[in-house]
Amino acid sequence: MIIKEERIGGQRLILGDSLQVMPTLGRFDAVVTDPPYGIGADRNLRANKKHGKAAVPSKDYGKKTWDTAAPDLSWIAECGVPAIVWGGNYFELPPGPGWLFWDKENGSNGYADGELAWSNLPQALRRFRWRWAGMLQQDMANKEERVHPTQKPVALMEWCLGFLPDAKTILDPFMGSGTTLVACQRMGRAGTGIELDPDYFEIACRRVDEAARQPDLLIPETRTAPVQESLL
């Protein structure tokens, strides 16, 4: 059931439960998403007590309830379209050669060196280097506001879309703060994102609106989304 819907730029943002909403949406060219892993990232335990050489401690995002259990992603392996799933090592997905690795270049501190994304793409493992820790972000001239505890850099999601050159319509069923749709807006793709948390839905709408108001002159502006066929 769709609780609320916004269309901003070339993007469609939906507030609702993805498992209920997806069957009503039609077919997409690709799935690019960062689901909750079921590891309690929503609890804001600030467990990284030893920051080492990190410039700033963990940010307080407030307690939520979206990461108490990992969702069932079996449908992704059966949907028949290219898919990229961050945190794929936490889910029961079929073997595939096309893993992606985000090297965070965190240095010596208590955070992980990087994150893995599963994909069904017929390619070798690829690495993306991008610093993301506090004041040490890669692109300090365009430093991104951190509004979600598992937020990904826009540059990372743009890199993911680069592996999908023929995909014009993108589905992100776990939209979070909207990074995938921001990347879609910047790269001229038609994205549809679904988010269950109303606070993050509003944040995603704001971020996509900001991207739509500041189009990248090097990337064609988003055109009207193509007609979509059945996804499931």
Protein backbone atom coordinates (compact mmCIF):
# COMPACT_ATOMS: atom_id res chain seq x y z
CA MET A 1 0.00 0.00 0.00
CA ILE A 2 1.30 3.43 -0.96
CA ILE A 3 0.99 5.77 2.02
CA LYS A 4 2.40 8.81 0.27
CA GLU A 5 4.02 9.54 -3.08
CA GLU A 6 6.12 12.38 -4.49
CA ARG A 7 7.44 12.91 -8.03
CA ILE A 8 10.49 15.16 -8.06
CA GLY A 9 12.51 15.77 -11.19
CA GLY A 10 12.62 12.41 -12.94
CA GLN A 11 12.25 10.48 -9.68
CA ARG A 12 9.33 8.77 -7.96
CA LEU A 13 9.50 8.52 -4.16
CA ILE A 14 7.05 6.28 -2.31
CA LEU A 15 6.34 5.98 1.41
CA GLY A 16 5.26 2.43 2.18
CA ASP A 17 6.28 -1.21 2.67
CA SER A 18 8.35 -2.32 -0.32
CA LEU A 19 6.98 -5.88 -0.34
CA GLN A 20 3.45 -4.52 -0.60
CA VAL A 21 4.25 -1.73 -3.05
CA MET A 22 6.55 -3.49 -5.54
CA PRO A 23 3.90 -5.76 -7.13
CA THR A 24 1.95 -2.64 -8.11
CA LEU A 25 4.81 -0.83 -9.85
CA GLY A 26 5.64 -2.76 -13.00
CA ARG A 27 8.99 -3.80 -14.43
CA PHE A 28 12.30 -1.94 -14.09
CA ASP A 29 15.55 -2.20 -16.01
CA ALA A 30 17.68 -2.73 -12.88
CA VAL A 31 17.65 -2.87 -9.07
CA VAL A 32 20.22 -0.84 -7.10
CA THR A 33 19.72 -0.88 -3.35
CA ASP A 34 21.23 -0.86 0.14
CA PRO A 35 18.85 -2.89 2.34
CA PRO A 36 18.99 -3.06 6.14
CA TYR A 37 21.36 -5.88 7.08
CA GLY A 38 19.71 -6.92 10.34
CA ILE A 39 22.79 -5.92 12.36
CA GLY A 40 21.20 -3.28 14.56
CA ALA A 41 22.57 -0.19 12.85
CA ASP A 42 19.30 1.52 13.73
CA ARG A 43 19.89 1.25 17.48
CA ASN A 44 22.54 3.97 17.57
CA LEU A 45 24.66 2.11 20.10
CA ARG A 46 27.72 4.16 19.13
CA ALA A 47 29.72 0.95 19.58
CA ASN A 48 32.91 2.31 18.02
CA LYS A 49 34.55 3.23 21.32
CA LYS A 50 38.06 3.33 19.89
CA HIS A 51 38.30 5.92 17.15
CA GLY A 52 42.05 5.71 16.69
CA LYS A 53 43.08 8.33 14.15
CA ALA A 54 39.51 9.20 13.18
CA ALA A 55 38.98 12.95 13.20
CA VAL A 56 35.52 12.86 14.82
CA PRO A 57 33.48 10.34 16.85
CA SER A 58 30.35 8.59 15.58
CA LYS A 59 27.46 10.89 14.78
CA ASP A 60 24.22 10.55 16.74
CA TYR A 61 21.38 9.76 14.28
CA GLY A 62 18.80 8.86 16.91
CA LYS A 63 17.28 5.44 17.54
CA LYS A 64 15.10 3.80 14.89
CA THR A 65 13.58 0.34 14.31
CA TRP A 66 14.33 -0.42 10.66
CA ASP A 67 17.34 -2.73 11.11
CA THR A 68 16.08 -5.29 13.62
CA ALA A 69 15.95 -8.07 10.98
CA ALA A 70 17.29 -8.54 7.46
CA PRO A 71 14.58 -8.59 4.74
CA ASP A 72 13.97 -11.55 2.43
CA LEU A 73 15.73 -10.79 -0.87
CA SER A 74 15.04 -14.06 -2.66
CA TRP A 75 12.95 -12.18 -5.22
CA ILE A 76 16.04 -10.30 -6.45
CA ALA A 77 17.64 -13.49 -7.74
CA GLU A 78 14.39 -14.28 -9.60
CA CYS A 79 13.47 -10.86 -10.99
CA GLY A 80 15.46 -11.32 -14.20
CA VAL A 81 17.11 -7.89 -14.30
CA PRO A 82 20.59 -6.64 -13.36
CA ALA A 83 20.85 -6.03 -9.62
CA ILE A 84 23.37 -4.50 -7.21
CA VAL A 85 22.78 -5.11 -3.50
CA TRP A 86 25.02 -3.46 -0.89
CA GLY A 87 25.65 -5.64 2.12
CA GLY A 88 25.09 -8.69 -0.08
CA ASN A 89 27.32 -10.75 2.21
CA TYR A 90 24.59 -10.56 4.87
CA PHE A 91 21.93 -12.17 2.65
CA GLU A 92 21.25 -15.57 1.12
CA LEU A 93 21.88 -14.72 -2.51
CA PRO A 94 23.20 -17.03 -5.24
CA PRO A 95 26.93 -17.10 -6.07
CA GLY A 96 28.03 -14.50 -8.57
CA PRO A 97 31.30 -13.16 -9.96
CA GLY A 98 30.32 -9.49 -10.09
CA TRP A 99 30.99 -8.40 -6.50
CA LEU A 100 31.72 -4.71 -5.88
CA PHE A 101 33.95 -3.45 -3.06
CA TRP A 102 33.86 0.04 -1.58
CA ASP A 103 37.28 0.81 -0.10
CA LYS A 104 36.59 3.50 2.50
CA GLU A 105 40.30 4.25 3.10
CA ASN A 106 39.49 4.62 6.80
CA GLY A 107 43.04 4.20 8.00
CA SER A 108 43.72 3.00 11.54
CA ASN A 109 40.46 3.25 13.49
CA GLY A 110 37.59 1.10 14.71
CA TYR A 111 35.56 1.25 11.50
CA ALA A 112 35.46 -1.40 8.74
CA ASP A 113 37.87 -1.01 5.82
CA GLY A 114 35.02 -1.21 3.35
CA GLU A 115 31.70 -2.73 2.28
CA LEU A 116 30.66 -5.38 -0.24
CA ALA A 117 27.87 -5.36 -2.80
CA TRP A 118 26.52 -8.50 -4.47
CA SER A 119 25.59 -8.28 -8.11
CA ASN A 120 24.50 -10.64 -10.87
CA LEU A 121 26.61 -8.75 -13.41
CA PRO A 122 28.91 -10.91 -15.59
CA GLN A 123 32.15 -9.21 -14.61
CA ALA A 124 35.12 -9.49 -12.27
CA LEU A 125 35.18 -7.97 -8.79
CA ARG A 126 35.63 -4.19 -8.94
CA ARG A 127 36.85 -1.71 -6.30
CA PHE A 128 35.82 1.88 -5.63
CA ARG A 129 38.01 4.05 -3.39
CA TRP A 130 36.24 6.86 -1.56
CA ARG A 131 36.98 8.22 1.93
CA TRP A 132 33.81 8.76 3.93
CA ALA A 133 34.79 9.10 7.59
CA GLY A 134 33.64 12.36 9.17
CA MET A 135 35.90 15.27 8.25
CA LEU A 136 37.98 13.03 5.97
CA GLN A 137 35.50 12.77 3.11
CA GLN A 138 37.01 12.32 -0.33
CA ASP A 139 35.44 15.42 -1.88
CA MET A 140 35.69 18.06 0.83
CA ALA A 141 34.77 20.84 -1.60
CA ASN A 142 31.34 19.20 -1.95
CA LYS A 143 31.10 17.52 1.44
CA GLU A 144 27.84 15.59 1.86
CA GLU A 145 25.66 15.94 4.92
CA ARG A 146 25.43 12.63 6.80
CA VAL A 147 21.76 12.09 7.62
CA HIS A 148 21.55 8.28 7.90
CA PRO A 149 23.77 5.81 9.81
CA THR A 150 24.33 3.58 6.73
CA GLN A 151 24.25 6.34 4.12
CA LYS A 152 26.33 5.83 0.97
CA PRO A 153 28.17 8.57 -0.95
CA VAL A 154 26.40 9.82 -4.08
CA ALA A 155 29.62 9.16 -6.00
CA LEU A 156 29.46 5.48 -4.99
CA MET A 157 25.93 5.06 -6.32
CA GLU A 158 26.84 6.91 -9.51
CA TRP A 159 29.71 4.42 -9.89
CA CYS A 160 27.19 1.58 -9.51
CA LEU A 161 24.94 3.05 -12.18
CA GLY A 162 27.96 3.19 -14.47
CA PHE A 163 27.88 -0.63 -14.62
CA LEU A 164 24.29 -0.39 -15.93
CA PRO A 165 24.62 1.82 -19.03
CA ASP A 166 21.44 0.49 -20.67
CA ALA A 167 19.24 0.73 -17.57
CA LYS A 168 16.93 3.71 -17.87
CA THR A 169 14.56 2.79 -15.01
CA ILE A 170 16.03 1.95 -11.61
CA LEU A 171 14.28 0.51 -8.55
CA ASP A 172 15.55 1.04 -4.99
CA PRO A 173 13.09 -0.76 -2.66
CA PHE A 174 15.00 0.33 0.46
CA MET A 175 15.50 4.01 -0.33
CA GLY A 176 16.69 5.26 3.06
CA SER A 177 17.91 8.84 2.69
CA GLY A 178 17.53 8.69 -1.10
CA THR A 179 21.13 8.45 -2.31
CA THR A 180 20.31 6.08 -5.19
CA LEU A 181 17.66 8.47 -6.50
CA VAL A 182 19.98 11.46 -6.14
CA ALA A 183 22.47 9.58 -8.32
CA CYS A 184 19.69 8.73 -10.79
CA GLN A 185 18.67 12.38 -10.99
CA ARG A 186 22.24 13.49 -11.63
CA MET A 187 22.79 10.82 -14.29
CA GLY A 188 19.53 11.19 -16.18
CA ARG A 189 17.95 7.92 -15.02
CA ALA A 190 14.34 7.44 -13.89
CA GLY A 191 14.49 6.11 -10.34
CA THR A 192 11.74 4.79 -8.09
CA GLY A 193 12.48 4.53 -4.37
CA ILE A 194 10.41 3.01 -1.58
CA GLU A 195 10.94 3.86 2.09
CA LEU A 196 8.98 2.74 5.16
CA ASP A 197 10.29 5.33 7.65
CA PRO A 198 8.44 8.67 7.22
CA ASP A 199 11.38 10.72 8.53
CA TYR A 200 13.82 9.27 6.02
CA PHE A 201 11.20 9.57 3.27
CA GLU A 202 11.04 13.31 3.88
CA ILE A 203 14.84 13.54 3.95
CA ALA A 204 15.02 11.66 0.65
CA CYS A 205 12.48 14.06 -0.90
CA ARG A 206 14.58 17.03 0.20
CA ARG A 207 17.81 15.59 -1.15
CA VAL A 208 16.29 14.64 -4.51
CA ASP A 209 14.70 18.08 -4.77
CA GLU A 210 18.08 19.68 -4.17
CA ALA A 211 19.61 17.50 -6.90
CA ALA A 212 16.79 18.39 -9.29
CA ARG A 213 17.34 22.10 -8.68
CA GLN A 214 21.05 21.81 -9.39
CA PRO A 215 21.39 19.61 -12.49
CA ASP A 216 24.87 18.61 -13.59
CA LEU A 217 25.54 20.42 -16.86
CA LEU A 218 27.70 17.50 -18.03
CA ILE A 219 24.83 15.00 -17.73
CA PRO A 220 21.63 15.17 -19.82
CA GLU A 221 18.58 16.16 -17.80
CA THR A 222 16.19 13.35 -16.89
CA ARG A 223 13.52 12.61 -19.47
CA THR A 224 10.04 11.21 -18.80
CA ALA A 225 10.26 7.69 -17.38
CA PRO A 226 9.61 4.90 -19.93
CA VAL A 227 6.53 2.73 -19.54
CA GLN A 228 7.25 -0.13 -17.15
CA GLU A 229 6.11 -3.75 -17.46
CA SER A 230 5.49 -6.27 -14.67
CA LEU A 231 8.45 -6.72 -12.28
CA LEU A 232 7.36 -9.74 -10.25
